Amino acid sequence: MGDRFRAATMEDLPLHLVLEILTSGRLSAVDLVCLELTSRTFRGNHGFFPKNFRSLVDFAAFQLCGLHPIYASLRSGSQKEALNRCNGNWKLLLRFLQSVEQSSDVAEISGGNMQIRSGRYHTLLINDSVAYSCGSSLCGVLGHGPETTQCVAFTRISFPTSAQVIHVSASHNHAAFTTQSGEVFTCGDNSSFCCGHRDTSRPIFKPRLVEALKGVPCKQVAAGLSFTMFLSRQGQVYTCGTNAHGQLGHGDTLDRPTPKLVELLDCLGSIVQIAAGPSYALAVSSDGTLYSFGSGTNFCLGHGEQQNELQPRPVQLFRRKGIHVVRVSAGDEHVVALDSSGYVYTWGKGYCGALGHGDETDRTTPQPLSSLQSHLAVQVCASKRKTFVLVDDGSLYGFGWMGFGSLGFPDRGVSDKVLRPRVLDCLRGHHISQVSTGLYHTVVVTNQGQIFGFGDNERAQLGHDMLRGCLEPTEIYV
């Protein structure tokens, strides 16, 4: 009779049900490891799975990797190489895949979600689907109205409707936001049509719905100097704004006042990520091909020459070597890319060591960053003459121009050059989930939801009222 009322334990659950829970997609790789460490149910194989899987958790990680969009898009050889880079550990591979995804989108952190983006003299933040901004409100870029010229602390941005913001992009003088429903809002200087509205007579001081994209649900935005890219949920790219260098990708140099589909990309397959430089654009397709178009200055297009490209052109070095690109970041004068095995590549202008190869030499085509080959990179971030690389254990590496301390090395001068990747020791006690860098300042988000900033704070772009600058990471409060 007593057994009838005995409390059920984990061991009583059918293994197929436990596996279904583990592979529901709600658990991170870290969650799986914690389960494996705390219960013998998750540590054992139970004869239920192929012998090459040591545990129930190991098999669950294998299945989750197979379902992940990055891994599922890889060719067989690239899948094997990615697993080998993770020492044959499916849990480690899952952590890599999840970290890559979250570092470029909204990151799931302790107690919620966040995304951070640095503009020229301002910073934009998503915290639990609410957008905030701080810094200089040049041309209405902060989205708080014409009466606001500066915000010394992160201040909530009001939208015309109760929007849940999922992605944001910050440029020099305009901003773009996408919402859970797929709507796109923009604000800032629209004199070049970069906000996607025909009205160019005055700045747009508060987020305004981009009417031309009604019926086209979007998931990503990328703001360039005077143009904007929009990525739909269907993997299509739309662009608007100035087109003097062909950065809109339509095969001509005609400006577009409202977003127009880049038809030349549409026939090349689904696009999974976009990035906008000052006058050039980058797009990564689901098959790992990187396309570039626009201004060829500083060799940023990666084709070995400096001529403009009026339409998307694949970067042949990656294609020729069978390298599957998963993420790319467009700096002012250089580019940094990440492949499916966690390797990093840089090219463009090498001034101040922004390419990380130990010199200031320009690279006309993508070159692997050999000094980081022993690390599994999960995010790359380029800006004005500096670069950051985030690796899977949460460590952050920086190199290039210190620029007001925006590389985060307190022992170096504010205008020094760091020619090779160097870990930010002052952040070693934190697991970094995301990094973004602007002209003279940098911000990071930790997996505990803390925000740290360093560099110039002359215009309160770090969200502090009393500080003029931060030579080492200082916590920012929302």
Protein backbone atom coordinates (compact mmCIF):
# COMPACT_ATOMS: atom_id res chain seq x y z
CA MET A 1 0.00 0.00 0.00
CA GLY A 2 2.90 2.37 0.82
CA ASP A 3 4.32 2.08 -2.69
CA ARG A 4 1.09 3.46 -4.05
CA PHE A 5 1.77 6.82 -2.47
CA ARG A 6 5.52 6.89 -3.04
CA ALA A 7 6.68 10.16 -4.63
CA ALA A 8 7.70 9.71 -8.26
CA THR A 9 11.38 10.24 -9.03
CA MET A 10 13.18 11.14 -12.23
CA GLU A 11 14.11 7.48 -12.62
CA ASP A 12 10.41 6.62 -12.91
CA LEU A 13 9.91 8.69 -16.06
CA PRO A 14 10.10 6.87 -19.42
CA LEU A 15 13.40 7.69 -21.14
CA HIS A 16 11.70 8.69 -24.38
CA LEU A 17 9.69 11.29 -22.45
CA VAL A 18 12.81 12.64 -20.73
CA LEU A 19 14.53 12.88 -24.11
CA GLU A 20 11.58 14.76 -25.57
CA ILE A 21 11.83 17.32 -22.76
CA LEU A 22 15.59 17.70 -23.24
CA THR A 23 15.22 18.28 -26.98
CA SER A 24 12.30 20.70 -26.74
CA GLY A 25 14.67 23.55 -27.60
CA ARG A 26 14.23 25.39 -24.32
CA LEU A 27 17.47 24.23 -22.71
CA SER A 28 20.93 25.61 -23.35
CA ALA A 29 24.09 23.53 -23.53
CA VAL A 30 24.97 24.75 -20.02
CA ASP A 31 21.57 23.50 -18.75
CA LEU A 32 22.28 20.07 -20.20
CA VAL A 33 25.68 19.90 -18.52
CA CYS A 34 24.12 20.86 -15.17
CA LEU A 35 21.56 18.07 -15.52
CA GLU A 36 24.29 15.58 -16.40
CA LEU A 37 26.22 16.53 -13.28
CA THR A 38 23.27 16.33 -10.88
CA SER A 39 21.43 13.12 -11.79
CA ARG A 40 22.48 9.62 -12.78
CA THR A 41 19.43 9.48 -15.04
CA PHE A 42 21.10 11.98 -17.37
CA ARG A 43 24.60 10.55 -16.92
CA GLY A 44 23.80 7.04 -18.08
CA ASN A 45 23.34 5.54 -21.51
CA HIS A 46 20.76 3.00 -20.31
CA GLY A 47 21.28 0.96 -23.47
CA PHE A 48 18.66 3.17 -25.06
CA PHE A 49 21.03 4.98 -27.45
CA PRO A 50 23.91 4.08 -29.77
CA LYS A 51 27.03 3.18 -27.77
CA ASN A 52 29.04 6.13 -29.09
CA PHE A 53 26.88 8.43 -26.96
CA ARG A 54 28.09 8.36 -23.37
CA SER A 55 24.91 9.66 -21.80
CA LEU A 56 21.31 10.67 -22.31
CA VAL A 57 22.42 14.31 -22.28
CA ASP A 58 25.07 13.61 -24.91
CA PHE A 59 22.45 12.10 -27.21
CA ALA A 60 20.10 15.04 -26.56
CA ALA A 61 22.88 17.49 -27.47
CA PHE A 62 23.49 15.54 -30.69
CA GLN A 63 19.83 15.83 -31.63
CA LEU A 64 19.70 19.55 -30.76
CA CYS A 65 22.76 20.20 -32.93
CA GLY A 66 21.06 18.45 -35.83
CA LEU A 67 18.05 20.73 -35.43
CA HIS A 68 20.07 23.94 -35.14
CA PRO A 69 19.79 26.11 -38.29
CA ILE A 70 23.54 26.75 -38.52
CA TYR A 71 24.56 23.10 -38.20
CA ALA A 72 21.71 21.88 -40.42
CA SER A 73 22.90 24.18 -43.23
CA LEU A 74 26.46 22.79 -43.21
CA ARG A 75 27.77 20.28 -45.71
CA SER A 76 28.83 16.93 -44.26
CA GLY A 77 32.53 17.85 -44.27
CA SER A 78 31.90 21.14 -42.47
CA GLN A 79 29.76 19.36 -39.88
CA LYS A 80 32.59 16.93 -39.15
CA GLU A 81 35.14 19.75 -38.92
CA ALA A 82 32.94 21.70 -36.50
CA LEU A 83 32.56 18.63 -34.27
CA ASN A 84 36.30 17.95 -34.42
CA ARG A 85 36.98 21.54 -33.36
CA CYS A 86 34.86 20.78 -30.29
CA ASN A 87 36.88 17.63 -29.53
CA GLY A 88 33.99 15.41 -30.58
CA ASN A 89 31.88 16.81 -27.74
CA TRP A 90 28.27 17.41 -28.81
CA LYS A 91 27.55 19.56 -25.75
CA LEU A 92 30.46 21.85 -26.60
CA LEU A 93 29.34 22.05 -30.22
CA LEU A 94 25.81 22.94 -29.09
CA ARG A 95 27.21 25.69 -26.85
CA PHE A 96 29.17 27.06 -29.82
CA LEU A 97 26.11 27.08 -32.09
CA GLN A 98 23.88 28.70 -29.48
CA SER A 99 26.52 31.31 -28.61
CA VAL A 100 26.99 32.31 -32.26
CA GLU A 101 23.25 32.76 -32.64
CA GLN A 102 22.78 34.78 -29.48
CA SER A 103 25.82 37.00 -29.81
CA SER A 104 24.46 38.54 -33.02
CA ASP A 105 20.78 38.62 -32.03
CA VAL A 106 19.03 38.97 -28.68
CA ALA A 107 21.06 37.11 -26.06
CA GLU A 108 19.27 35.00 -23.46
CA ILE A 109 20.81 36.11 -20.19
CA SER A 110 19.99 35.46 -16.55
CA GLY A 111 16.44 36.65 -15.98
CA GLY A 112 15.62 37.87 -19.50
CA ASN A 113 17.10 38.85 -22.86
CA MET A 114 19.34 41.66 -24.10
CA GLN A 115 20.91 43.13 -27.20
CA ILE A 116 23.39 46.01 -27.17
CA ARG A 117 24.41 48.21 -30.14
CA SER A 118 26.87 51.13 -30.21
CA GLY A 119 26.40 54.04 -32.58
CA ARG A 120 28.76 56.94 -33.21
CA TYR A 121 28.02 58.89 -30.02
CA HIS A 122 25.18 56.85 -28.55
CA THR A 123 24.15 53.36 -27.46
CA LEU A 124 20.94 51.40 -28.06
CA LEU A 125 19.76 48.56 -25.83
CA ILE A 126 17.02 45.95 -25.87
CA ASN A 127 16.16 44.70 -22.41
CA ASP A 128 13.28 42.19 -22.19
CA SER A 129 11.87 43.37 -25.55
CA VAL A 130 11.94 47.04 -24.48
CA ALA A 131 14.24 49.49 -26.30
CA TYR A 132 16.40 52.06 -24.48
CA SER A 133 18.96 54.64 -25.61
CA CYS A 134 21.57 56.96 -24.15
CA GLY A 135 24.14 59.45 -25.44
CA SER A 136 23.86 62.24 -28.01
CA SER A 137 20.54 62.57 -29.83
CA LEU A 138 21.99 63.89 -33.09
CA CYS A 139 19.11 64.25 -35.58
CA GLY A 140 16.77 62.34 -33.30
CA VAL A 141 18.80 59.11 -33.32
CA LEU A 142 17.82 58.35 -29.69
CA GLY A 143 14.12 58.32 -30.59
CA HIS A 144 12.92 60.52 -27.70
CA GLY A 145 11.55 63.55 -29.58
CA PRO A 146 12.90 66.94 -30.76
CA GLU A 147 13.21 68.33 -27.23
CA THR A 148 15.83 65.70 -26.25
CA THR A 149 19.43 66.50 -27.16
CA GLN A 150 21.16 64.06 -24.83
CA CYS A 151 20.32 61.23 -22.41
CA VAL A 152 22.83 60.70 -19.63
CA ALA A 153 21.28 57.35 -18.67
CA PHE A 154 19.48 54.60 -20.57
CA THR A 155 15.97 55.91 -21.23
CA ARG A 156 13.05 53.90 -22.56
CA ILE A 157 12.03 54.59 -26.16
CA SER A 158 8.31 54.94 -26.83
CA PHE A 159 6.81 53.38 -29.95
CA PRO A 160 3.48 54.27 -31.62
CA THR A 161 2.17 50.85 -30.61
CA SER A 162 3.12 48.50 -27.77
CA ALA A 163 5.97 46.93 -29.71
CA GLN A 164 8.15 44.06 -28.49
CA VAL A 165 11.54 44.91 -29.97
CA ILE A 166 13.72 41.98 -31.05
CA HIS A 167 16.51 43.57 -33.10
CA VAL A 168 18.15 46.98 -33.33
CA SER A 169 20.88 48.62 -35.39
CA ALA A 170 22.72 51.85 -34.58
CA SER A 171 24.47 53.99 -37.17
CA HIS A 172 26.04 57.46 -37.09
CA ASN A 173 22.79 59.37 -37.49
CA HIS A 174 19.86 56.96 -37.71
CA ALA A 175 18.51 53.84 -36.04
CA ALA A 176 16.32 50.91 -37.07
CA PHE A 177 14.26 48.48 -34.99
CA THR A 178 12.37 45.27 -35.73
CA THR A 179 9.57 43.92 -33.55
CA GLN A 180 8.22 40.51 -32.64
CA SER A 181 5.43 41.00 -35.17
CA GLY A 182 7.95 41.71 -37.94
CA GLU A 183 7.30 45.44 -38.20
CA VAL A 184 10.19 47.84 -38.79
CA PHE A 185 10.57 51.28 -37.20
CA THR A 186 13.25 53.90 -37.93
CA CYS A 187 14.27 57.30 -36.59
CA GLY A 188 16.99 59.89 -37.14
CA ASP A 189 18.26 61.86 -40.12
CA ASN A 190 16.28 60.88 -43.22
CA SER A 191 17.79 63.43 -45.63
CA SER A 192 19.31 60.56 -47.60
CA PHE A 193 16.13 58.41 -47.43
CA CYS A 194 18.00 55.97 -45.14
CA CYS A 195 15.01 55.74 -42.79
CA GLY A 196 12.80 54.47 -45.61
CA HIS A 197 10.32 57.36 -45.63
CA ARG A 198 9.76 59.79 -48.48
CA ASP A 199 9.63 62.79 -46.14
CA THR A 200 13.18 64.23 -46.01
CA SER A 201 12.33 67.76 -44.88
CA ARG A 202 13.22 67.17 -41.22
CA PRO A 203 14.66 64.49 -38.94
CA ILE A 204 12.42 61.75 -37.61
CA PHE A 205 12.64 62.26 -33.86
CA LYS A 206 10.57 59.27 -32.76
CA PRO A 207 10.40 55.72 -34.18
CA ARG A 208 8.13 55.65 -37.22
CA LEU A 209 6.73 52.57 -38.92
CA VAL A 210 8.27 51.87 -42.35
CA GLU A 211 5.06 51.69 -44.37
CA ALA A 212 6.77 50.25 -47.46
CA LEU A 213 7.55 47.05 -45.52
CA LYS A 214 4.00 46.39 -44.36
CA GLY A 215 3.26 42.77 -45.21
CA VAL A 216 7.00 41.92 -45.22
CA PRO A 217 7.81 40.61 -41.72
CA CYS A 218 11.46 41.36 -40.94
CA LYS A 219 13.88 39.88 -38.40
CA GLN A 220 17.09 41.93 -38.80
CA VAL A 221 18.16 45.46 -39.69
CA ALA A 222 21.58 46.93 -40.53
CA ALA A 223 22.14 50.68 -40.64
CA GLY A 224 24.97 52.05 -42.78
CA LEU A 225 26.13 55.66 -43.05
CA SER A 226 23.32 56.85 -45.34
CA PHE A 227 21.52 53.63 -46.20
CA THR A 228 19.76 50.77 -44.46
CA MET A 229 19.37 47.05 -45.04
CA PHE A 230 16.36 45.00 -43.93
CA LEU A 231 16.28 41.18 -43.74
CA SER A 232 12.89 39.49 -43.96
CA ARG A 233 11.92 36.29 -42.19
CA GLN A 234 11.89 34.66 -45.62
CA GLY A 235 15.58 35.46 -46.10
CA GLN A 236 15.08 38.34 -48.55
CA VAL A 237 17.04 41.62 -48.37
CA TYR A 238 15.56 45.08 -48.90
CA THR A 239 17.59 48.32 -49.06
CA CYS A 240 16.96 52.05 -49.20
CA GLY A 241 18.90 55.31 -49.03
CA THR A 242 21.97 56.67 -50.82
CA ASN A 243 23.39 54.49 -53.59
CA ALA A 244 26.34 56.43 -55.02
CA HIS A 245 28.65 53.39 -54.71
CA GLY A 246 26.12 50.67 -55.47
CA GLN A 247 25.67 49.82 -51.78
CA LEU A 248 21.96 49.13 -52.28
CA GLY A 249 22.82 46.17 -54.54
CA HIS A 250 20.39 46.87 -57.38
CA GLY A 251 22.98 47.00 -60.18
CA ASP A 252 22.87 50.80 -60.50
CA THR A 253 23.68 53.98 -58.56
CA LEU A 254 20.14 55.32 -58.17
CA ASP A 255 19.02 56.30 -54.68
CA ARG A 256 15.92 54.56 -53.29
CA PRO A 257 13.55 56.55 -51.03
CA THR A 258 11.82 53.43 -49.71
CA PRO A 259 12.98 49.82 -49.20
CA LYS A 260 13.30 47.83 -52.40
CA LEU A 261 13.94 44.10 -52.74
CA VAL A 262 17.50 43.22 -53.80
CA GLU A 263 16.40 40.88 -56.57
CA LEU A 264 19.96 39.86 -57.42
CA LEU A 265 20.29 38.35 -53.93
CA ASP A 266 16.82 36.86 -53.95
CA CYS A 267 17.73 34.39 -56.68
CA LEU A 268 20.91 33.28 -54.87
CA GLY A 269 19.23 31.63 -51.90
CA SER A 270 18.07 32.54 -48.41
CA ILE A 271 20.08 35.19 -46.54
CA VAL A 272 20.67 34.62 -42.81
CA GLN A 273 22.66 37.71 -41.78
CA ILE A 274 23.33 41.24 -43.06
CA ALA A 275 25.93 43.89 -42.17
CA ALA A 276 26.33 47.48 -43.34
CA GLY A 277 29.57 49.44 -43.51
CA PRO A 278 29.73 53.19 -44.23
CA SER A 279 29.18 52.72 -47.99
CA TYR A 280 29.27 48.97 -48.52
CA ALA A 281 27.08 46.00 -47.65
CA LEU A 282 27.56 42.35 -46.74
CA ALA A 283 25.13 39.43 -46.77
CA VAL A 284 25.65 35.84 -45.61
CA SER A 285 23.53 33.14 -47.25
CA SER A 286 22.31 29.93 -45.64
CA ASP A 287 24.86 27.92 -47.63
CA GLY A 288 27.72 29.93 -46.08
CA THR A 289 28.46 32.17 -49.06
CA LEU A 290 29.44 35.76 -48.26
CA TYR A 291 28.27 38.41 -50.74
CA SER A 292 29.58 41.98 -50.81
CA PHE A 293 28.62 45.08 -52.77
CA GLY A 294 29.08 48.85 -52.73
CA SER A 295 32.28 50.84 -52.22
CA GLY A 296 35.49 48.89 -52.78
CA THR A 297 37.61 51.42 -50.88
CA ASN A 298 40.10 49.89 -48.42
CA PHE A 299 39.53 46.42 -49.97
CA CYS A 300 36.51 45.90 -47.69
CA LEU A 301 34.64 43.88 -50.34
CA GLY A 302 37.27 41.14 -50.12
CA HIS A 303 37.80 40.67 -53.85
CA GLY A 304 41.45 41.78 -53.98
CA GLU A 305 40.69 45.10 -55.67
CA GLN A 306 39.16 48.44 -54.82
CA GLN A 307 36.55 48.83 -57.52
CA ASN A 308 32.91 49.36 -56.60
CA GLU A 309 30.44 46.52 -57.01
CA LEU A 310 26.94 47.57 -58.02
CA GLN A 311 25.45 44.16 -57.32
CA PRO A 312 26.16 41.31 -54.87
CA ARG A 313 29.33 39.39 -55.65
CA PRO A 314 30.48 36.28 -53.78
CA VAL A 315 33.82 36.46 -51.97
CA GLN A 316 35.62 33.78 -53.93
CA LEU A 317 38.35 32.95 -51.44
CA PHE A 318 35.79 31.47 -49.02
CA ARG A 319 33.97 29.63 -51.78
CA ARG A 320 37.19 28.25 -53.30
CA LYS A 321 38.38 26.87 -49.95
CA GLY A 322 34.98 25.48 -48.97
CA ILE A 323 34.73 27.82 -45.96
CA HIS A 324 31.20 28.23 -44.58
CA VAL A 325 30.81 31.77 -43.24
CA VAL A 326 28.24 32.13 -40.45
CA ARG A 327 28.68 35.76 -39.29
CA VAL A 328 30.35 38.94 -40.53
CA SER A 329 30.93 42.43 -39.11
CA ALA A 330 31.48 45.54 -41.22
CA GLY A 331 33.88 48.12 -39.82
CA ASP A 332 34.60 51.61 -41.11
CA GLU A 333 37.71 50.45 -43.00
CA HIS A 334 37.93 46.69 -42.48
CA VAL A 335 35.86 43.52 -42.15
CA VAL A 336 35.97 40.52 -39.81
CA ALA A 337 34.21 37.20 -40.44
CA LEU A 338 33.51 34.01 -38.51
CA ASP A 339 33.21 30.53 -40.03
CA SER A 340 31.32 27.41 -38.96
CA SER A 341 34.36 26.02 -37.12
CA GLY A 342 34.93 29.12 -35.00
CA TYR A 343 37.85 30.47 -37.07
CA VAL A 344 38.23 34.23 -37.63
CA TYR A 345 39.20 36.06 -40.84
CA THR A 346 40.03 39.74 -41.37
CA TRP A 347 40.66 41.96 -44.38
CA GLY A 348 40.72 45.62 -45.41
CA LYS A 349 42.82 48.45 -44.03
CA GLY A 350 45.34 47.31 -41.44
CA TYR A 351 45.99 50.72 -39.89
CA CYS A 352 46.63 50.57 -36.10
CA GLY A 353 46.61 46.76 -36.19
CA ALA A 354 42.85 46.49 -36.72
CA LEU A 355 43.34 43.21 -38.62
CA GLY A 356 45.21 41.55 -35.75
CA HIS A 357 48.11 40.11 -37.76
CA GLY A 358 50.86 41.89 -35.82
CA ASP A 359 51.38 44.66 -38.36
CA GLU A 360 49.56 47.53 -40.06
CA THR A 361 49.57 46.03 -43.53
CA ASP A 362 46.39 46.03 -45.59
CA ARG A 363 44.90 42.66 -46.58
CA THR A 364 43.10 42.64 -49.92
CA THR A 365 41.33 39.32 -49.36
CA PRO A 366 40.26 37.43 -46.20
CA GLN A 367 43.15 36.13 -44.11
CA PRO A 368 42.80 33.71 -41.17
CA LEU A 369 43.71 35.14 -37.79
CA SER A 370 46.32 32.58 -36.80
CA SER A 371 46.83 33.80 -33.24
CA LEU A 372 43.24 32.87 -32.35
CA GLN A 373 43.11 29.49 -34.08
CA SER A 374 43.28 27.61 -30.78
CA HIS A 375 40.11 29.39 -29.62
CA LEU A 376 36.52 28.77 -30.66
CA ALA A 377 35.22 32.22 -31.63
CA VAL A 378 31.48 32.92 -31.37
CA GLN A 379 31.21 36.64 -32.23
CA VAL A 380 33.23 39.15 -34.25
CA CYS A 381 32.81 42.91 -34.03
CA ALA A 382 34.55 45.59 -36.10
CA SER A 383 34.40 49.36 -35.93
CA LYS A 384 36.73 52.32 -36.47
CA ARG A 385 40.25 50.78 -36.54
CA LYS A 386 39.50 48.23 -33.85
CA THR A 387 38.16 44.69 -33.57
CA PHE A 388 36.76 42.44 -30.86
CA VAL A 389 36.46 38.67 -30.89
CA LEU A 390 34.34 36.83 -28.33
CA VAL A 391 35.22 33.17 -27.69
CA ASP A 392 33.02 30.35 -26.41
CA ASP A 393 34.24 30.42 -22.80
CA GLY A 394 33.06 34.03 -22.47
CA SER A 395 36.49 35.65 -22.82
CA LEU A 396 36.85 38.77 -24.96
CA TYR A 397 39.85 39.65 -27.15
CA GLY A 398 40.55 43.10 -28.58
CA PHE A 399 43.05 44.62 -30.99
CA GLY A 400 43.62 47.77 -33.03
CA TRP A 401 43.44 51.39 -31.97
CA MET A 402 42.90 52.20 -28.28
CA GLY A 403 40.97 55.38 -29.21
CA PHE A 404 40.05 57.03 -25.86
CA GLY A 405 40.46 53.67 -24.11
CA SER A 406 37.79 51.94 -26.18
CA LEU A 407 39.78 48.68 -26.37
CA GLY A 408 39.54 48.22 -22.60
CA PHE A 409 43.23 47.90 -21.68
CA PRO A 410 43.90 50.21 -18.67
CA ASP A 411 47.66 49.68 -18.93
CA ARG A 412 47.84 51.14 -22.45
CA GLY A 413 47.71 54.78 -23.55
CA VAL A 414 44.47 56.21 -24.92
CA SER A 415 45.94 56.41 -28.44
CA ASP A 416 48.11 53.26 -28.41
CA LYS A 417 47.96 50.46 -30.98
CA VAL A 418 47.46 46.79 -30.08
CA LEU A 419 48.66 44.83 -33.11
CA ARG A 420 47.62 41.33 -32.02
CA PRO A 421 44.57 39.91 -30.21
CA ARG A 422 44.85 40.38 -26.46
CA VAL A 423 42.39 39.15 -23.85
CA LEU A 424 40.63 41.78 -21.73
CA ASP A 425 41.92 40.71 -18.31
CA CYS A 426 39.70 43.25 -16.59
CA LEU A 427 36.64 41.24 -17.73
CA ARG A 428 37.99 37.78 -16.85
CA GLY A 429 35.63 37.47 -13.90
CA HIS A 430 32.61 37.70 -16.23
CA HIS A 431 31.22 35.52 -19.00
CA ILE A 432 30.62 37.92 -21.90
CA SER A 433 27.61 37.14 -24.09
CA GLN A 434 27.75 40.07 -26.51
CA VAL A 435 29.99 42.99 -27.49
CA SER A 436 29.39 46.13 -29.56
CA THR A 437 31.78 48.96 -30.31
CA GLY A 438 31.19 52.45 -31.71
CA LEU A 439 33.54 55.23 -32.74
CA TYR A 440 35.22 55.78 -29.38
CA HIS A 441 33.32 53.57 -26.92
CA THR A 442 32.52 49.89 -26.35
CA VAL A 443 29.80 48.08 -24.41
CA VAL A 444 29.43 44.43 -23.42
CA VAL A 445 26.66 42.29 -21.91
CA THR A 446 27.39 39.40 -19.54
CA ASN A 447 25.42 36.18 -19.17
CA GLN A 448 24.19 37.54 -15.82
CA GLY A 449 22.63 40.57 -17.51
CA GLN A 450 25.26 43.08 -16.43
CA ILE A 451 26.33 45.82 -18.86
CA PHE A 452 29.87 47.23 -18.86
CA GLY A 453 31.17 50.14 -20.91
CA PHE A 454 34.58 51.64 -21.56
CA GLY A 455 36.07 54.39 -23.69
CA ASP A 456 34.79 57.91 -24.35
CA ASN A 457 31.77 59.17 -22.40
CA GLU A 458 31.92 62.83 -23.44
CA ARG A 459 28.35 62.65 -24.73
CA ALA A 460 27.07 60.15 -22.13
CA GLN A 461 27.18 57.29 -24.64
CA LEU A 462 28.16 54.98 -21.77
CA GLY A 463 25.10 55.93 -19.75
CA HIS A 464 27.02 57.73 -16.96
CA ASP A 465 26.39 61.31 -15.94
CA MET A 466 29.60 62.18 -14.10
CA LEU A 467 32.33 60.34 -16.03
CA ARG A 468 34.13 61.84 -19.04
CA GLY A 469 35.72 58.54 -19.98
CA CYS A 470 36.36 55.02 -18.72
CA LEU A 471 39.76 53.44 -19.25
CA GLU A 472 38.52 50.15 -17.86
CA PRO A 473 35.07 48.48 -17.96
CA THR A 474 32.58 50.26 -15.70
CA GLU A 475 29.12 48.88 -14.99
CA ILE A 476 26.15 50.63 -16.57
CA TYR A 477 22.73 50.47 -14.93
CA VAL A 478 19.37 50.55 -16.70
